[in-house]
C-alpha atoms as a PDB file:
ATOM      1  CA  MET A   1       0.000   0.000   0.000  1.00  0.00           C
ATOM      2  CA  THR A   2       1.356   3.429  -0.868  1.00  0.00           C
ATOM      3  CA  GLY A   3       0.074   6.891  -0.281  1.00  0.00           C
ATOM      4  CA  ILE A   4       0.747  10.338   1.001  1.00  0.00           C
ATOM      5  CA  LEU A   5      -1.210  10.276   4.251  1.00  0.00           C
ATOM      6  CA  ARG A   6      -0.546   8.374   7.439  1.00  0.00           C
ATOM      7  CA  VAL A   7      -2.984   5.501   8.029  1.00  0.00           C
ATOM      8  CA  ALA A   8      -5.313   6.498  10.865  1.00  0.00           C
ATOM      9  CA  LYS A   9      -6.450   3.100  12.162  1.00  0.00           C
ATOM     10  CA  GLU A  10      -3.101   1.334  12.452  1.00  0.00           C
ATOM     11  CA  GLY A  11      -2.372  -0.368  15.745  1.00  0.00           C
ATOM     12  CA  ILE A  12      -2.052  -3.627  17.630  1.00  0.00           C
ATOM     13  CA  PHE A  13      -5.815  -4.105  17.992  1.00  0.00           C
ATOM     14  CA  SER A  14      -6.854  -3.135  14.466  1.00  0.00           C
ATOM     15  CA  GLY A  15      -7.000  -5.257  11.341  1.00  0.00           C
ATOM     16  CA  LEU A  16      -4.019  -3.281  10.092  1.00  0.00           C
ATOM     17  CA  ASN A  17      -1.359  -4.172  12.644  1.00  0.00           C
ATOM     18  CA  ASN A  18       1.696  -5.073  10.564  1.00  0.00           C
ATOM     19  CA  LEU A  19       2.244  -1.736   8.893  1.00  0.00           C
ATOM     20  CA  SER A  20       5.620  -0.148   8.222  1.00  0.00           C
ATOM     21  CA  VAL A  21       5.653   3.567   7.492  1.00  0.00           C
ATOM     22  CA  TYR A  22       8.504   4.989   5.423  1.00  0.00           C
ATOM     23  CA  SER A  23       8.745   8.747   5.179  1.00  0.00           C
ATOM     24  CA  ILE A  24      10.580  11.046   2.804  1.00  0.00           C
ATOM     25  CA  LEU A  25      12.415  12.163   5.919  1.00  0.00           C
ATOM     26  CA  ASP A  26      14.022   8.713   6.310  1.00  0.00           C
ATOM     27  CA  GLU A  27      17.425   9.197   4.679  1.00  0.00           C
ATOM     28  CA  LYS A  28      17.756   5.442   4.124  1.00  0.00           C
ATOM     29  CA  TYR A  29      14.822   5.471   1.675  1.00  0.00           C
ATOM     30  CA  SER A  30      15.059   9.036   0.331  1.00  0.00           C
ATOM     31  CA  SER A  31      16.260   8.004  -3.139  1.00  0.00           C
ATOM     32  CA  TYR A  32      13.091   5.941  -3.695  1.00  0.00           C
ATOM     33  CA  PHE A  33      10.679   8.889  -3.623  1.00  0.00           C
ATOM     34  CA  GLY A  34      11.417  10.215  -7.104  1.00  0.00           C
ATOM     35  CA  LEU A  35      14.076  10.167  -9.827  1.00  0.00           C
ATOM     36  CA  THR A  36      17.713  11.107  -9.380  1.00  0.00           C
ATOM     37  CA  GLU A  37      19.462  13.311 -11.948  1.00  0.00           C
ATOM     38  CA  LYS A  38      21.349  10.241 -13.183  1.00  0.00           C
ATOM     39  CA  GLU A  39      18.059   8.403 -13.775  1.00  0.00           C
ATOM     40  CA  VAL A  40      16.606  11.418 -15.599  1.00  0.00           C
ATOM     41  CA  ARG A  41      19.657  11.656 -17.886  1.00  0.00           C
ATOM     42  CA  GLU A  42      19.525   7.908 -18.586  1.00  0.00           C
ATOM     43  CA  ALA A  43      15.824   8.047 -19.498  1.00  0.00           C
ATOM     44  CA  LEU A  44      16.291  11.034 -21.814  1.00  0.00           C
ATOM     45  CA  GLU A  45      19.256   9.374 -23.522  1.00  0.00           C
ATOM     46  CA  TYR A  46      17.478   6.012 -23.770  1.00  0.00           C
ATOM     47  CA  TYR A  47      14.608   7.629 -25.692  1.00  0.00           C
ATOM     48  CA  GLU A  48      17.111   9.679 -27.736  1.00  0.00           C
ATOM     49  CA  LEU A  49      15.549  13.000 -26.755  1.00  0.00           C
ATOM     50  CA  ASP A  50      17.412  16.278 -27.202  1.00  0.00           C
ATOM     51  CA  TYR A  51      17.587  17.982 -23.847  1.00  0.00           C
ATOM     52  CA  ASN A  52      19.434  20.612 -21.869  1.00  0.00           C
ATOM     53  CA  ILE A  53      19.918  19.260 -18.345  1.00  0.00           C
ATOM     54  CA  GLN A  54      20.158  22.797 -16.956  1.00  0.00           C
ATOM     55  CA  GLU A  55      16.707  23.575 -18.409  1.00  0.00           C
ATOM     56  CA  VAL A  56      15.322  20.363 -16.928  1.00  0.00           C
ATOM     57  CA  LYS A  57      16.804  21.276 -13.529  1.00  0.00           C
ATOM     58  CA  GLU A  58      15.371  24.793 -13.619  1.00  0.00           C
ATOM     59  CA  TRP A  59      11.865  23.564 -14.391  1.00  0.00           C
ATOM     60  CA  TYR A  60      11.588  20.197 -12.661  1.00  0.00           C
ATOM     61  CA  ASN A  61      14.227  19.880  -9.937  1.00  0.00           C
ATOM     62  CA  GLY A  62      13.420  21.092  -6.479  1.00  0.00           C
ATOM     63  CA  TYR A  63      12.858  18.257  -4.041  1.00  0.00           C
ATOM     64  CA  LEU A  64      15.416  17.425  -1.393  1.00  0.00           C
ATOM     65  CA  PHE A  65      14.689  14.131   0.377  1.00  0.00           C
ATOM     66  CA  GLY A  66      17.273  13.402   3.040  1.00  0.00           C
ATOM     67  CA  ASN A  67      20.468  14.483   1.292  1.00  0.00           C
ATOM     68  CA  THR A  68      19.239  13.459  -2.156  1.00  0.00           C
ATOM     69  CA  GLU A  69      18.035  15.880  -4.848  1.00  0.00           C
ATOM     70  CA  MET A  70      15.056  14.351  -6.601  1.00  0.00           C
ATOM     71  CA  TYR A  71      12.864  14.987  -9.640  1.00  0.00           C
ATOM     72  CA  ASN A  72       9.120  14.430  -9.689  1.00  0.00           C
ATOM     73  CA  PRO A  73       8.485  11.364 -11.927  1.00  0.00           C
ATOM     74  CA  TRP A  74       5.204  12.723 -13.320  1.00  0.00           C
ATOM     75  CA  SER A  75       6.905  15.991 -14.325  1.00  0.00           C
ATOM     76  CA  ILE A  76       9.767  14.193 -16.070  1.00  0.00           C
ATOM     77  CA  ILE A  77       7.412  11.852 -17.932  1.00  0.00           C
ATOM     78  CA  SER A  78       5.380  14.873 -19.073  1.00  0.00           C
ATOM     79  CA  TYR A  79       8.567  16.628 -20.202  1.00  0.00           C
ATOM     80  CA  MET A  80       9.602  13.558 -22.187  1.00  0.00           C
ATOM     81  CA  ALA A  81       6.144  13.190 -23.762  1.00  0.00           C
ATOM     82  CA  ASN A  82       6.247  16.813 -24.938  1.00  0.00           C
ATOM     83  CA  LYS A  83       9.719  16.341 -26.447  1.00  0.00           C
ATOM     84  CA  LYS A  84       8.585  13.556 -28.812  1.00  0.00           C
END
């Protein structure tokens, strides 16, 4: 189960008692909450799209999870779709 809100009824006496919550604040998992710059470059090169990484950074970079700069996957996919 994934989502953006904490589950309200979690607990030992509920039907949902084996839940693990991972937050964007957990440095251990921070690189799993978006795309790294390396992953963005690889995707753009894989689909042979002309791009200026500085332009991509100016428009779509901006998330810092733990110590990791991340890109929003939806934004990058939209950027790639508009480049085709």
